[in-house]
Amino acid sequence: MNNFFNYQGFQVTVQTINFEPWFLAKDIANILMLKNPSMMIRHAKISKYFVRKIATNTLGGKQKMLYINRKALEGILDHSKRDKASHLRHWIQNN
């Protein structure tokens, strides 16, 4: 089941697996104004253990999408030099 939260006008899709949140990588890339979620993950050197392809309902039907867990999200935000990354990191830590 998909859950959503809004961050500064951006919708972020979250799936809970074994009580752990997994964030849609595309949504995080959109917040950081990056076009390619796979490259975002690769540049931050995120381990494959923190990334999953999960079947997700989209307008085009069910598709396997890249999701990252909280540890990967924090790694991406720590690696990013964009102002939005530090704001999102602070927001996540306080919510």
Protein backbone atom coordinates (compact mmCIF):
# COMPACT_ATOMS: atom_id res chain seq x y z
CA MET A 1 0.00 0.00 0.00
CA ASN A 2 1.30 3.45 -0.93
CA ASN A 3 1.33 6.29 1.53
CA PHE A 4 2.21 9.85 0.62
CA PHE A 5 3.54 12.92 2.31
CA ASN A 6 4.04 16.39 0.94
CA TYR A 7 7.26 18.29 1.25
CA GLN A 8 7.26 21.89 0.01
CA GLY A 9 4.72 21.08 -2.70
CA PHE A 10 6.36 17.79 -3.74
CA GLN A 11 4.51 14.52 -3.20
CA VAL A 12 6.68 11.68 -1.86
CA THR A 13 5.46 8.09 -2.18
CA VAL A 14 6.32 5.82 0.73
CA GLN A 15 5.76 2.08 1.04
CA THR A 16 6.13 0.35 4.39
CA ILE A 17 7.86 -3.03 4.31
CA ASN A 18 8.43 -4.87 7.59
CA PHE A 19 7.63 -1.65 9.49
CA GLU A 20 10.35 0.22 7.56
CA PRO A 21 9.60 3.16 5.24
CA TRP A 22 10.83 2.91 1.63
CA PHE A 23 10.80 6.15 -0.39
CA LEU A 24 10.19 6.35 -4.13
CA ALA A 25 13.59 7.39 -5.52
CA LYS A 26 11.98 9.35 -8.37
CA ASP A 27 10.17 11.59 -5.87
CA ILE A 28 13.39 12.28 -3.95
CA ALA A 29 15.19 13.05 -7.23
CA ASN A 30 12.39 15.49 -8.14
CA ILE A 31 12.81 17.35 -4.84
CA LEU A 32 16.56 17.62 -5.46
CA MET A 33 15.89 18.68 -9.08
CA LEU A 34 17.67 15.64 -10.49
CA LYS A 35 16.41 13.89 -13.62
CA ASN A 36 17.75 10.37 -13.09
CA PRO A 37 17.04 8.52 -9.80
CA SER A 38 19.41 5.68 -10.74
CA MET A 39 22.30 8.11 -11.22
CA MET A 40 21.41 9.83 -7.94
CA ILE A 41 21.73 6.47 -6.15
CA ARG A 42 24.91 5.54 -8.01
CA HIS A 43 26.67 8.88 -7.36
CA ALA A 44 25.90 8.65 -3.64
CA LYS A 45 27.41 5.12 -3.66
CA ILE A 46 24.33 3.56 -2.04
CA SER A 47 24.57 -0.18 -1.44
CA LYS A 48 22.18 -2.39 -3.40
CA TYR A 49 20.89 -3.65 -0.02
CA PHE A 50 19.24 -0.29 0.57
CA VAL A 51 17.50 -0.16 -2.83
CA ARG A 52 14.53 -2.21 -4.05
CA LYS A 53 12.35 -2.40 -7.13
CA ILE A 54 8.75 -2.48 -5.94
CA ALA A 55 5.62 -2.90 -8.05
CA THR A 56 3.77 0.40 -7.88
CA ASN A 57 0.44 1.52 -9.33
CA THR A 58 1.03 4.36 -11.79
CA LEU A 59 -1.12 6.11 -14.39
CA GLY A 60 0.37 3.71 -16.94
CA GLY A 61 -0.52 0.66 -14.84
CA LYS A 62 1.58 -1.34 -12.40
CA GLN A 63 5.33 -0.76 -12.85
CA LYS A 64 8.45 -1.74 -10.92
CA MET A 65 9.88 1.45 -9.45
CA LEU A 66 13.09 2.12 -7.49
CA TYR A 67 12.63 2.67 -3.76
CA ILE A 68 15.25 3.52 -1.17
CA ASN A 69 15.17 2.96 2.56
CA ARG A 70 15.85 5.64 5.17
CA LYS A 71 19.56 4.85 5.38
CA ALA A 72 19.91 5.31 1.61
CA LEU A 73 17.87 8.52 1.76
CA GLU A 74 20.16 9.91 4.45
CA GLY A 75 23.21 8.90 2.39
CA ILE A 76 21.86 10.66 -0.68
CA LEU A 77 21.05 13.80 1.30
CA ASP A 78 24.49 13.78 2.96
CA HIS A 79 26.16 13.39 -0.44
CA SER A 80 24.15 16.13 -2.14
CA LYS A 81 25.42 19.70 -2.12
CA ARG A 82 22.02 21.17 -2.97
CA ASP A 83 20.32 23.47 -0.46
CA LYS A 84 17.12 21.45 -0.71
CA ALA A 85 19.00 18.37 0.54
CA SER A 86 19.92 19.98 3.86
CA HIS A 87 16.38 21.33 4.26
CA LEU A 88 14.86 17.91 3.53
CA ARG A 89 17.33 16.20 5.90
CA HIS A 90 16.34 18.60 8.69
CA TRP A 91 12.63 18.14 7.94
CA ILE A 92 12.89 14.33 8.00
CA GLN A 93 14.83 14.32 11.26
CA ASN A 94 12.12 16.43 12.90
CA ASN A 95 9.07 14.55 11.60
